[in-house]
Amino acid sequence: MSRRDFRELRVLCTGASSGIGAALSRQLARRGARLVLNARREERLKELAGDIEKEGGEVCLVAGDITEQQTRQAMLARCQSQWGGVDAIINCAGIGSIANFTDSSEDILRQIMEVNFFAAVELTRLAIPVLQTGRQPIIVNIGSVLGHRAVPSKSEYCASKFALHGFSDALRAELAATGIDLLLVSPSTTSSEFFDQLLHQDKTSAPAGQRGMAPQKVATKIIRAMAAGRHEIIVSAGGKLLVWLDRLCPPLMNRLLARHG
């Protein structure tokens, strides 16, 4: 595929009120994309939209819970009515928990799977028929390096990202003949509000805080990968090292993680 042009690209983005989603939305708008943004926090979305519009960007909002079917349908309907179609969907909404599995609950597991996996999958299912008529269509799934190698105290989050990874690989092959690209993005820890929104955090886990790669840097890497038609990126050097060590010597990684977490 030729290099993707973002001018007037019609984009749906979930989880857009903060972190990677907000940074992506700003950068895409600066490149001329037309956006439909979703998150639960309507006031934060309005602030973001105001900033984008001040810079001349085109944006509209669908506030609501992405795990609900009517919210997903409303996003697609708004993009079609406002921009006449859809060229890209970015599944960025995500939540997590940091605790031993035995200290967690079924409710927490189901919430994580609903947001991180099922919402992304079902939005994608709805969007595919519309994407097939789009310009250089693409699906972008924001996974995690923990969808390549699982670690202690994040079993539920890892499970959701492994599921998204497997789904992405299978769907990419299914869609190859349709012209729809699929990019799986695997960030490491990102400096965002993610750790402030945890469903559960036990007393022994590391304190929440602004740590990791800046979301603006992650967004830049994602946009470069979208432009180039990449299938997958592992964003950080540390993430690449983790994945390669696990592939080269899984028993060693198992021992290290069991000892040091």
C-alpha atoms as a PDB file:
ATOM      1  CA  MET A   1       0.000   0.000   0.000  1.00  0.00           C
ATOM      2  CA  SER A   2       1.167   3.540  -0.716  1.00  0.00           C
ATOM      3  CA  ARG A   3       1.977   5.800   2.204  1.00  0.00           C
ATOM      4  CA  ARG A   4      -1.215   6.693   4.066  1.00  0.00           C
ATOM      5  CA  ASP A   5      -2.384  10.296   3.690  1.00  0.00           C
ATOM      6  CA  PHE A   6      -4.086  11.682   6.820  1.00  0.00           C
ATOM      7  CA  ARG A   7      -5.694  14.693   5.150  1.00  0.00           C
ATOM      8  CA  GLU A   8      -9.482  14.307   5.537  1.00  0.00           C
ATOM      9  CA  LEU A   9      -9.031  10.759   6.842  1.00  0.00           C
ATOM     10  CA  ARG A  10     -12.231   9.923   8.757  1.00  0.00           C
ATOM     11  CA  VAL A  11     -11.232   8.494  12.128  1.00  0.00           C
ATOM     12  CA  LEU A  12     -13.076   6.961  15.089  1.00  0.00           C
ATOM     13  CA  CYS A  13     -11.052   6.894  18.320  1.00  0.00           C
ATOM     14  CA  THR A  14     -12.138   5.435  21.664  1.00  0.00           C
ATOM     15  CA  GLY A  15     -10.550   6.309  24.988  1.00  0.00           C
ATOM     16  CA  ALA A  16      -9.815   9.786  23.663  1.00  0.00           C
ATOM     17  CA  SER A  17     -10.174  11.841  26.845  1.00  0.00           C
ATOM     18  CA  SER A  18      -6.611  11.298  28.092  1.00  0.00           C
ATOM     19  CA  GLY A  19      -3.302   9.538  27.544  1.00  0.00           C
ATOM     20  CA  ILE A  20      -2.499   7.944  24.210  1.00  0.00           C
ATOM     21  CA  GLY A  21      -6.020   8.523  22.870  1.00  0.00           C
ATOM     22  CA  ALA A  22      -5.903  12.276  23.493  1.00  0.00           C
ATOM     23  CA  ALA A  23      -2.372  12.598  22.114  1.00  0.00           C
ATOM     24  CA  LEU A  24      -3.307  10.633  19.001  1.00  0.00           C
ATOM     25  CA  SER A  25      -6.396  12.766  18.450  1.00  0.00           C
ATOM     26  CA  ARG A  26      -4.397  16.001  18.611  1.00  0.00           C
ATOM     27  CA  GLN A  27      -1.703  14.766  16.252  1.00  0.00           C
ATOM     28  CA  LEU A  28      -4.144  13.300  13.748  1.00  0.00           C
ATOM     29  CA  ALA A  29      -6.137  16.538  13.703  1.00  0.00           C
ATOM     30  CA  ARG A  30      -2.953  18.512  12.992  1.00  0.00           C
ATOM     31  CA  ARG A  31      -2.390  16.271   9.998  1.00  0.00           C
ATOM     32  CA  GLY A  32      -5.855  17.043   8.658  1.00  0.00           C
ATOM     33  CA  ALA A  33      -7.851  14.042   9.868  1.00  0.00           C
ATOM     34  CA  ARG A  34     -11.546  14.452  10.700  1.00  0.00           C
ATOM     35  CA  LEU A  35     -12.375  12.881  14.034  1.00  0.00           C
ATOM     36  CA  VAL A  36     -15.192  11.273  15.981  1.00  0.00           C
ATOM     37  CA  LEU A  37     -13.984  10.881  19.553  1.00  0.00           C
ATOM     38  CA  ASN A  38     -15.357   8.762  22.363  1.00  0.00           C
ATOM     39  CA  ALA A  39     -14.830   8.476  26.105  1.00  0.00           C
ATOM     40  CA  ARG A  40     -17.054   8.390  29.163  1.00  0.00           C
ATOM     41  CA  ARG A  41     -15.863  11.759  30.509  1.00  0.00           C
ATOM     42  CA  GLU A  42     -17.791  14.244  28.397  1.00  0.00           C
ATOM     43  CA  GLU A  43     -16.239  17.356  29.941  1.00  0.00           C
ATOM     44  CA  ARG A  44     -12.734  16.126  29.168  1.00  0.00           C
ATOM     45  CA  LEU A  45     -13.790  15.353  25.604  1.00  0.00           C
ATOM     46  CA  LYS A  46     -15.194  18.858  25.236  1.00  0.00           C
ATOM     47  CA  GLU A  47     -11.919  20.367  26.455  1.00  0.00           C
ATOM     48  CA  LEU A  48      -9.987  18.292  23.935  1.00  0.00           C
ATOM     49  CA  ALA A  49     -12.380  19.184  21.124  1.00  0.00           C
ATOM     50  CA  GLY A  50     -12.039  22.869  21.980  1.00  0.00           C
ATOM     51  CA  ASP A  51      -8.263  22.657  21.729  1.00  0.00           C
ATOM     52  CA  ILE A  52      -8.455  20.826  18.409  1.00  0.00           C
ATOM     53  CA  GLU A  53     -10.937  23.305  16.945  1.00  0.00           C
ATOM     54  CA  LYS A  54      -8.772  26.256  18.010  1.00  0.00           C
ATOM     55  CA  GLU A  55      -6.034  24.795  15.805  1.00  0.00           C
ATOM     56  CA  GLY A  56      -8.465  24.442  12.889  1.00  0.00           C
ATOM     57  CA  GLY A  57      -9.215  20.742  13.335  1.00  0.00           C
ATOM     58  CA  GLU A  58     -12.519  19.035  12.593  1.00  0.00           C
ATOM     59  CA  VAL A  59     -13.969  16.979  15.426  1.00  0.00           C
ATOM     60  CA  CYS A  60     -17.250  15.743  16.860  1.00  0.00           C
ATOM     61  CA  LEU A  61     -17.942  13.819  20.051  1.00  0.00           C
ATOM     62  CA  VAL A  62     -19.910  10.780  21.171  1.00  0.00           C
ATOM     63  CA  ALA A  63     -19.621  10.538  24.950  1.00  0.00           C
ATOM     64  CA  GLY A  64     -20.597   7.228  26.502  1.00  0.00           C
ATOM     65  CA  ASP A  65     -19.535   3.788  27.655  1.00  0.00           C
ATOM     66  CA  ILE A  66     -17.866   1.942  24.773  1.00  0.00           C
ATOM     67  CA  THR A  67     -18.932  -1.389  26.285  1.00  0.00           C
ATOM     68  CA  GLU A  68     -22.532  -0.515  25.405  1.00  0.00           C
ATOM     69  CA  GLN A  69     -23.776  -1.381  21.930  1.00  0.00           C
ATOM     70  CA  GLN A  70     -25.684   1.869  21.506  1.00  0.00           C
ATOM     71  CA  THR A  71     -22.502   3.887  22.080  1.00  0.00           C
ATOM     72  CA  ARG A  72     -20.632   1.920  19.420  1.00  0.00           C
ATOM     73  CA  GLN A  73     -23.501   2.286  16.979  1.00  0.00           C
ATOM     74  CA  ALA A  74     -23.740   6.014  17.705  1.00  0.00           C
ATOM     75  CA  MET A  75     -20.047   6.500  16.913  1.00  0.00           C
ATOM     76  CA  LEU A  76     -20.347   4.877  13.506  1.00  0.00           C
ATOM     77  CA  ALA A  77     -23.603   6.656  12.723  1.00  0.00           C
ATOM     78  CA  ARG A  78     -22.079  10.008  13.651  1.00  0.00           C
ATOM     79  CA  CYS A  79     -19.016   9.454  11.494  1.00  0.00           C
ATOM     80  CA  GLN A  80     -21.197   8.480   8.530  1.00  0.00           C
ATOM     81  CA  SER A  81     -23.603  11.397   8.950  1.00  0.00           C
ATOM     82  CA  GLN A  82     -20.865  13.959   9.675  1.00  0.00           C
ATOM     83  CA  TRP A  83     -18.094  12.836   7.335  1.00  0.00           C
ATOM     84  CA  GLY A  84     -19.825  10.451   4.949  1.00  0.00           C
ATOM     85  CA  GLY A  85     -17.989   7.298   5.994  1.00  0.00           C
ATOM     86  CA  VAL A  86     -15.154   5.784   8.037  1.00  0.00           C
ATOM     87  CA  ASP A  87     -11.527   5.244   7.049  1.00  0.00           C
ATOM     88  CA  ALA A  88      -9.961   4.305  10.373  1.00  0.00           C
ATOM     89  CA  ILE A  89     -10.952   3.059  13.815  1.00  0.00           C
ATOM     90  CA  ILE A  90      -8.593   3.255  16.772  1.00  0.00           C
ATOM     91  CA  ASN A  91      -9.454   0.995  19.706  1.00  0.00           C
ATOM     92  CA  CYS A  92      -7.661   2.830  22.494  1.00  0.00           C
ATOM     93  CA  ALA A  93      -9.981   2.582  25.508  1.00  0.00           C
ATOM     94  CA  GLY A  94      -8.458   0.541  28.301  1.00  0.00           C
ATOM     95  CA  ILE A  95      -8.534  -0.174  32.038  1.00  0.00           C
ATOM     96  CA  GLY A  96      -6.430  -2.313  34.348  1.00  0.00           C
ATOM     97  CA  SER A  97      -5.806  -3.732  37.796  1.00  0.00           C
ATOM     98  CA  ILE A  98      -2.618  -4.428  39.745  1.00  0.00           C
ATOM     99  CA  ALA A  99      -3.115  -7.204  42.269  1.00  0.00           C
ATOM    100  CA  ASN A 100      -2.558 -10.908  42.724  1.00  0.00           C
ATOM    101  CA  PHE A 101      -5.225 -12.929  40.932  1.00  0.00           C
ATOM    102  CA  THR A 102      -6.367 -14.544  44.192  1.00  0.00           C
ATOM    103  CA  ASP A 103      -7.016 -11.089  45.678  1.00  0.00           C
ATOM    104  CA  SER A 104      -9.140  -9.967  42.735  1.00  0.00           C
ATOM    105  CA  SER A 105     -12.694 -10.840  41.701  1.00  0.00           C
ATOM    106  CA  GLU A 106     -14.870 -12.019  38.852  1.00  0.00           C
ATOM    107  CA  ASP A 107     -16.368  -8.536  38.549  1.00  0.00           C
ATOM    108  CA  ILE A 108     -12.955  -6.917  38.002  1.00  0.00           C
ATOM    109  CA  LEU A 109     -11.965  -9.540  35.439  1.00  0.00           C
ATOM    110  CA  ARG A 110     -15.204  -9.067  33.508  1.00  0.00           C
ATOM    111  CA  GLN A 111     -14.867  -5.266  33.518  1.00  0.00           C
ATOM    112  CA  ILE A 112     -11.336  -5.472  32.148  1.00  0.00           C
ATOM    113  CA  MET A 113     -12.311  -7.941  29.437  1.00  0.00           C
ATOM    114  CA  GLU A 114     -15.387  -5.901  28.484  1.00  0.00           C
ATOM    115  CA  VAL A 115     -13.406  -2.683  27.944  1.00  0.00           C
ATOM    116  CA  ASN A 116     -10.060  -3.984  26.680  1.00  0.00           C
ATOM    117  CA  PHE A 117     -11.303  -6.821  24.493  1.00  0.00           C
ATOM    118  CA  PHE A 118     -15.033  -7.171  23.840  1.00  0.00           C
ATOM    119  CA  ALA A 119     -15.683  -3.463  23.197  1.00  0.00           C
ATOM    120  CA  ALA A 120     -12.823  -3.294  20.700  1.00  0.00           C
ATOM    121  CA  VAL A 121     -13.893  -6.486  18.958  1.00  0.00           C
ATOM    122  CA  GLU A 122     -17.538  -5.494  18.654  1.00  0.00           C
ATOM    123  CA  LEU A 123     -16.770  -1.974  17.437  1.00  0.00           C
ATOM    124  CA  THR A 124     -14.529  -3.569  14.826  1.00  0.00           C
ATOM    125  CA  ARG A 125     -17.284  -5.989  13.804  1.00  0.00           C
ATOM    126  CA  LEU A 126     -19.687  -3.088  13.266  1.00  0.00           C
ATOM    127  CA  ALA A 127     -17.106  -1.009  11.416  1.00  0.00           C
ATOM    128  CA  ILE A 128     -15.773  -3.530   8.890  1.00  0.00           C
ATOM    129  CA  PRO A 129     -18.621  -3.191   6.349  1.00  0.00           C
ATOM    130  CA  VAL A 130     -18.223   0.603   6.466  1.00  0.00           C
ATOM    131  CA  LEU A 131     -14.427   0.454   6.311  1.00  0.00           C
ATOM    132  CA  GLN A 132     -14.635  -1.608   3.126  1.00  0.00           C
ATOM    133  CA  THR A 133     -15.867   1.497   1.308  1.00  0.00           C
ATOM    134  CA  GLY A 134     -13.296   3.773   2.975  1.00  0.00           C
ATOM    135  CA  ARG A 135     -10.071   5.325   1.686  1.00  0.00           C
ATOM    136  CA  GLN A 136      -6.950   3.379   2.713  1.00  0.00           C
ATOM    137  CA  PRO A 137      -8.942   1.793   5.564  1.00  0.00           C
ATOM    138  CA  ILE A 138      -7.201   0.706   8.733  1.00  0.00           C
ATOM    139  CA  ILE A 139      -7.986  -0.758  12.166  1.00  0.00           C
ATOM    140  CA  VAL A 140      -5.587   0.220  14.957  1.00  0.00           C
ATOM    141  CA  ASN A 141      -5.703  -1.874  18.127  1.00  0.00           C
ATOM    142  CA  ILE A 142      -3.817  -0.490  21.106  1.00  0.00           C
ATOM    143  CA  GLY A 143      -2.548  -3.580  22.857  1.00  0.00           C
ATOM    144  CA  SER A 144       0.397  -3.853  25.218  1.00  0.00           C
ATOM    145  CA  VAL A 145       3.804  -5.446  25.485  1.00  0.00           C
ATOM    146  CA  LEU A 146       2.027  -7.478  28.190  1.00  0.00           C
ATOM    147  CA  GLY A 147       0.048  -9.044  25.363  1.00  0.00           C
ATOM    148  CA  HIS A 148       3.346 -10.699  24.359  1.00  0.00           C
ATOM    149  CA  ARG A 149       4.726 -11.609  27.795  1.00  0.00           C
ATOM    150  CA  ALA A 150       2.566 -11.813  30.909  1.00  0.00           C
ATOM    151  CA  VAL A 151       3.834 -10.640  34.305  1.00  0.00           C
ATOM    152  CA  PRO A 152       2.723 -11.175  37.907  1.00  0.00           C
ATOM    153  CA  SER A 153       0.034  -8.994  39.524  1.00  0.00           C
ATOM    154  CA  LYS A 154      -1.482  -8.072  36.141  1.00  0.00           C
ATOM    155  CA  SER A 155      -2.977 -11.419  35.135  1.00  0.00           C
ATOM    156  CA  GLU A 156      -6.365 -10.032  34.120  1.00  0.00           C
ATOM    157  CA  TYR A 157      -4.925  -7.119  32.146  1.00  0.00           C
ATOM    158  CA  CYS A 158      -2.435  -9.466  30.441  1.00  0.00           C
ATOM    159  CA  ALA A 159      -5.245 -11.849  29.537  1.00  0.00           C
ATOM    160  CA  SER A 160      -7.210  -9.058  27.868  1.00  0.00           C
ATOM    161  CA  LYS A 161      -4.207  -7.896  25.858  1.00  0.00           C
ATOM    162  CA  PHE A 162      -3.227 -11.442  24.833  1.00  0.00           C
ATOM    163  CA  ALA A 163      -6.796 -11.873  23.592  1.00  0.00           C
ATOM    164  CA  LEU A 164      -6.593  -8.631  21.599  1.00  0.00           C
ATOM    165  CA  HIS A 165      -3.245  -9.711  20.159  1.00  0.00           C
ATOM    166  CA  GLY A 166      -4.625 -13.056  18.985  1.00  0.00           C
ATOM    167  CA  PHE A 167      -7.750 -11.465  17.574  1.00  0.00           C
ATOM    168  CA  SER A 168      -5.671  -8.888  15.688  1.00  0.00           C
ATOM    169  CA  ASP A 169      -3.402 -11.494  14.095  1.00  0.00           C
ATOM    170  CA  ALA A 170      -6.343 -13.620  12.963  1.00  0.00           C
ATOM    171  CA  LEU A 171      -8.412 -10.715  11.670  1.00  0.00           C
ATOM    172  CA  ARG A 172      -5.479  -9.208   9.766  1.00  0.00           C
ATOM    173  CA  ALA A 173      -5.209 -12.407   7.737  1.00  0.00           C
ATOM    174  CA  GLU A 174      -8.973 -12.554   7.193  1.00  0.00           C
ATOM    175  CA  LEU A 175      -9.056  -8.972   5.909  1.00  0.00           C
ATOM    176  CA  ALA A 176      -5.963  -9.174   3.707  1.00  0.00           C
ATOM    177  CA  ALA A 177      -7.995  -9.550   0.524  1.00  0.00           C
ATOM    178  CA  THR A 178     -10.314  -6.641   1.383  1.00  0.00           C
ATOM    179  CA  GLY A 179      -7.667  -3.926   1.501  1.00  0.00           C
ATOM    180  CA  ILE A 180      -8.271  -3.154   5.199  1.00  0.00           C
ATOM    181  CA  ASP A 181      -5.014  -2.832   7.138  1.00  0.00           C
ATOM    182  CA  LEU A 182      -4.695  -3.826  10.781  1.00  0.00           C
ATOM    183  CA  LEU A 183      -2.025  -2.366  13.046  1.00  0.00           C
ATOM    184  CA  LEU A 184      -1.396  -3.829  16.503  1.00  0.00           C
ATOM    185  CA  VAL A 185       0.402  -1.380  18.796  1.00  0.00           C
ATOM    186  CA  SER A 186       2.183  -2.713  21.887  1.00  0.00           C
ATOM    187  CA  PRO A 187       3.268   0.096  24.224  1.00  0.00           C
ATOM    188  CA  SER A 188       5.102  -0.412  27.492  1.00  0.00           C
ATOM    189  CA  THR A 189       4.311   1.719  30.535  1.00  0.00           C
ATOM    190  CA  THR A 190       3.039   5.117  29.432  1.00  0.00           C
ATOM    191  CA  SER A 191       2.947   8.293  31.511  1.00  0.00           C
ATOM    192  CA  SER A 192      -0.809   8.814  31.688  1.00  0.00           C
ATOM    193  CA  GLU A 193      -3.811   8.623  33.981  1.00  0.00           C
ATOM    194  CA  PHE A 194      -4.020   4.842  33.516  1.00  0.00           C
ATOM    195  CA  PHE A 195      -2.564   4.164  36.974  1.00  0.00           C
ATOM    196  CA  ASP A 196      -4.955   6.650  38.562  1.00  0.00           C
ATOM    197  CA  GLN A 197      -7.968   4.777  37.148  1.00  0.00           C
ATOM    198  CA  LEU A 198      -7.101   1.222  38.235  1.00  0.00           C
ATOM    199  CA  LEU A 199     -10.041  -0.960  39.225  1.00  0.00           C
ATOM    200  CA  HIS A 200      -7.957  -2.524  41.990  1.00  0.00           C
ATOM    201  CA  GLN A 201      -4.473  -1.966  43.347  1.00  0.00           C
ATOM    202  CA  ASP A 202      -3.107  -4.000  46.233  1.00  0.00           C
ATOM    203  CA  LYS A 203      -0.833  -2.597  48.920  1.00  0.00           C
ATOM    204  CA  THR A 204       2.288  -4.338  47.648  1.00  0.00           C
ATOM    205  CA  SER A 205       2.144  -2.991  44.095  1.00  0.00           C
ATOM    206  CA  ALA A 206       4.220  -0.044  42.957  1.00  0.00           C
ATOM    207  CA  PRO A 207       2.673   3.361  43.712  1.00  0.00           C
ATOM    208  CA  ALA A 208       0.766   5.022  40.918  1.00  0.00           C
ATOM    209  CA  GLY A 209       2.420   7.969  39.265  1.00  0.00           C
ATOM    210  CA  GLN A 210       3.434   9.653  36.079  1.00  0.00           C
ATOM    211  CA  ARG A 211       6.064   7.273  34.752  1.00  0.00           C
ATOM    212  CA  GLY A 212       6.978   5.701  31.464  1.00  0.00           C
ATOM    213  CA  MET A 213       7.015   6.996  27.913  1.00  0.00           C
ATOM    214  CA  ALA A 214       5.163  10.231  27.175  1.00  0.00           C
ATOM    215  CA  PRO A 215       1.849   9.605  25.372  1.00  0.00           C
ATOM    216  CA  GLN A 216       2.822  12.186  22.743  1.00  0.00           C
ATOM    217  CA  LYS A 217       5.857  10.085  21.828  1.00  0.00           C
ATOM    218  CA  VAL A 218       3.750   6.918  21.664  1.00  0.00           C
ATOM    219  CA  ALA A 219       1.236   8.722  19.425  1.00  0.00           C
ATOM    220  CA  THR A 220       3.969   9.866  17.051  1.00  0.00           C
ATOM    221  CA  LYS A 221       5.208   6.295  16.669  1.00  0.00           C
ATOM    222  CA  ILE A 222       1.664   5.062  16.028  1.00  0.00           C
ATOM    223  CA  ILE A 223       1.045   7.661  13.333  1.00  0.00           C
ATOM    224  CA  ARG A 224       4.321   6.793  11.613  1.00  0.00           C
ATOM    225  CA  ALA A 225       3.331   3.121  11.647  1.00  0.00           C
ATOM    226  CA  MET A 226      -0.126   3.940  10.259  1.00  0.00           C
ATOM    227  CA  ALA A 227       1.414   6.025   7.488  1.00  0.00           C
ATOM    228  CA  ALA A 228       3.816   3.257   6.550  1.00  0.00           C
ATOM    229  CA  GLY A 229       1.204   0.483   6.572  1.00  0.00           C
ATOM    230  CA  ARG A 230       2.948  -1.461   9.354  1.00  0.00           C
ATOM    231  CA  HIS A 231       1.224  -4.520  10.819  1.00  0.00           C
ATOM    232  CA  GLU A 232       2.662  -4.371  14.323  1.00  0.00           C
ATOM    233  CA  ILE A 233       4.925  -2.215  16.460  1.00  0.00           C
ATOM    234  CA  ILE A 234       6.430  -2.702  19.914  1.00  0.00           C
ATOM    235  CA  VAL A 235       6.886   0.884  21.001  1.00  0.00           C
ATOM    236  CA  SER A 236       9.754   0.915  23.520  1.00  0.00           C
ATOM    237  CA  ALA A 237      13.259  -0.549  23.576  1.00  0.00           C
ATOM    238  CA  GLY A 238      12.499  -2.127  26.956  1.00  0.00           C
ATOM    239  CA  GLY A 239       9.396  -3.757  25.540  1.00  0.00           C
ATOM    240  CA  LYS A 240      11.348  -5.197  22.614  1.00  0.00           C
ATOM    241  CA  LEU A 241      13.966  -6.569  25.020  1.00  0.00           C
ATOM    242  CA  LEU A 242      11.279  -8.216  27.163  1.00  0.00           C
ATOM    243  CA  VAL A 243       9.676  -9.869  24.140  1.00  0.00           C
ATOM    244  CA  TRP A 244      12.934 -11.093  22.624  1.00  0.00           C
ATOM    245  CA  LEU A 245      14.269 -12.478  25.915  1.00  0.00           C
ATOM    246  CA  ASP A 246      11.026 -14.359  26.364  1.00  0.00           C
ATOM    247  CA  ARG A 247      11.215 -15.779  22.838  1.00  0.00           C
ATOM    248  CA  LEU A 248      14.866 -16.764  23.184  1.00  0.00           C
ATOM    249  CA  CYS A 249      14.656 -18.318  26.644  1.00  0.00           C
ATOM    250  CA  PRO A 250      11.194 -18.624  28.198  1.00  0.00           C
ATOM    251  CA  PRO A 251      12.419 -20.628  31.237  1.00  0.00           C
ATOM    252  CA  LEU A 252      14.827 -17.835  32.153  1.00  0.00           C
ATOM    253  CA  MET A 253      12.053 -15.250  31.939  1.00  0.00           C
ATOM    254  CA  ASN A 254       9.790 -17.446  34.046  1.00  0.00           C
ATOM    255  CA  ARG A 255      12.440 -17.662  36.778  1.00  0.00           C
ATOM    256  CA  LEU A 256      13.196 -13.931  36.681  1.00  0.00           C
ATOM    257  CA  LEU A 257       9.554 -12.931  36.907  1.00  0.00           C
ATOM    258  CA  ALA A 258       8.790 -15.450  39.646  1.00  0.00           C
ATOM    259  CA  ARG A 259      11.660 -14.038  41.704  1.00  0.00           C
ATOM    260  CA  HIS A 260      11.486 -10.327  40.956  1.00  0.00           C
ATOM    261  CA  GLY A 261       7.915  -9.774  39.711  1.00  0.00           C
END
